[in-house]
Amino acid sequence: MRILIVSDAWHPQINGVVRTFTALERELRALGHTVRI
């Protein structure tokens, strides 16, 4: 599945949103999905 996540919070910011999206991206990729943030 192709997944797009849109947010104004991303690297180089470091906060809870960025950490959550990073973890979500890693897990979705591990399941074989294509992820773009």
N, C-alpha and C. Protein backbone atom coordinates (compact mmCIF):
# COMPACT_ATOMS: atom_id res chain seq x y z
N MET A 1 0.84 -1.16 0.00
CA MET A 1 0.00 0.00 0.00
C MET A 1 0.90 1.24 0.00
N ARG A 2 0.49 2.25 -0.72
CA ARG A 2 1.21 3.52 -0.72
C ARG A 2 0.54 4.45 0.28
N ILE A 3 1.33 5.01 1.18
CA ILE A 3 0.80 5.85 2.26
C ILE A 3 1.50 7.19 2.23
N LEU A 4 0.71 8.26 2.30
CA LEU A 4 1.25 9.62 2.36
C LEU A 4 0.80 10.24 3.68
N ILE A 5 1.75 10.76 4.44
CA ILE A 5 1.47 11.46 5.69
C ILE A 5 1.89 12.90 5.49
N VAL A 6 0.97 13.83 5.72
CA VAL A 6 1.24 15.25 5.53
C VAL A 6 1.25 15.93 6.89
N SER A 7 2.33 16.67 7.16
CA SER A 7 2.45 17.37 8.45
C SER A 7 3.42 18.52 8.30
N ASP A 8 3.25 19.54 9.12
CA ASP A 8 4.22 20.64 9.13
C ASP A 8 5.36 20.36 10.10
N ALA A 9 5.31 19.25 10.79
CA ALA A 9 6.37 18.87 11.74
C ALA A 9 7.18 17.72 11.14
N TRP A 10 8.45 17.96 10.89
CA TRP A 10 9.35 16.92 10.39
C TRP A 10 10.77 17.37 10.63
N HIS A 11 11.72 16.53 10.30
CA HIS A 11 13.13 16.84 10.53
C HIS A 11 13.48 18.17 9.88
N PRO A 12 14.25 19.02 10.46
CA PRO A 12 15.14 18.83 11.60
C PRO A 12 14.48 19.08 12.96
N GLN A 13 13.18 19.32 12.99
CA GLN A 13 12.51 19.48 14.28
C GLN A 13 12.60 18.18 15.07
N ILE A 14 12.68 18.31 16.38
CA ILE A 14 12.64 17.15 17.26
C ILE A 14 11.54 17.40 18.28
N ASN A 15 10.45 16.65 18.15
CA ASN A 15 9.36 16.74 19.11
C ASN A 15 8.58 15.44 19.07
N GLY A 16 7.52 15.35 19.84
CA GLY A 16 6.75 14.12 19.91
C GLY A 16 6.11 13.73 18.60
N VAL A 17 5.67 14.72 17.83
CA VAL A 17 5.04 14.43 16.53
C VAL A 17 6.06 13.80 15.59
N VAL A 18 7.24 14.40 15.51
CA VAL A 18 8.28 13.88 14.62
C VAL A 18 8.70 12.48 15.04
N ARG A 19 8.87 12.27 16.33
CA ARG A 19 9.26 10.94 16.81
C ARG A 19 8.19 9.90 16.52
N THR A 20 6.93 10.28 16.68
CA THR A 20 5.84 9.36 16.39
C THR A 20 5.79 9.01 14.90
N PHE A 21 5.91 10.03 14.03
CA PHE A 21 5.91 9.78 12.59
C PHE A 21 7.10 8.94 12.17
N THR A 22 8.26 9.16 12.77
CA THR A 22 9.45 8.37 12.44
C THR A 22 9.22 6.90 12.79
N ALA A 23 8.67 6.66 13.97
CA ALA A 23 8.39 5.28 14.39
C ALA A 23 7.32 4.65 13.50
N LEU A 24 6.28 5.41 13.17
CA LEU A 24 5.21 4.91 12.30
C LEU A 24 5.76 4.58 10.92
N GLU A 25 6.60 5.45 10.38
CA GLU A 25 7.21 5.20 9.08
C GLU A 25 8.03 3.92 9.10
N ARG A 26 8.84 3.75 10.12
CA ARG A 26 9.69 2.55 10.23
C ARG A 26 8.83 1.28 10.28
N GLU A 27 7.78 1.28 11.08
CA GLU A 27 6.93 0.10 11.21
C GLU A 27 6.15 -0.20 9.92
N LEU A 28 5.64 0.83 9.27
CA LEU A 28 4.91 0.61 8.03
C LEU A 28 5.83 0.09 6.93
N ARG A 29 7.05 0.62 6.86
CA ARG A 29 8.01 0.11 5.87
C ARG A 29 8.37 -1.35 6.16
N ALA A 30 8.50 -1.70 7.44
CA ALA A 30 8.81 -3.08 7.81
C ALA A 30 7.70 -4.04 7.38
N LEU A 31 6.48 -3.52 7.29
CA LEU A 31 5.35 -4.33 6.83
C LEU A 31 5.23 -4.37 5.31
N GLY A 32 6.14 -3.66 4.62
CA GLY A 32 6.17 -3.71 3.17
C GLY A 32 5.45 -2.57 2.46
N HIS A 33 5.02 -1.56 3.20
CA HIS A 33 4.32 -0.43 2.61
C HIS A 33 5.31 0.62 2.10
N THR A 34 4.90 1.40 1.14
CA THR A 34 5.67 2.55 0.65
C THR A 34 5.16 3.77 1.38
N VAL A 35 6.05 4.47 2.08
CA VAL A 35 5.64 5.60 2.91
C VAL A 35 6.38 6.85 2.49
N ARG A 36 5.63 7.96 2.36
CA ARG A 36 6.22 9.28 2.10
C ARG A 36 5.68 10.24 3.13
N ILE A 37 6.58 11.03 3.69
CA ILE A 37 6.17 12.03 4.68
C ILE A 37 6.64 13.38 4.21
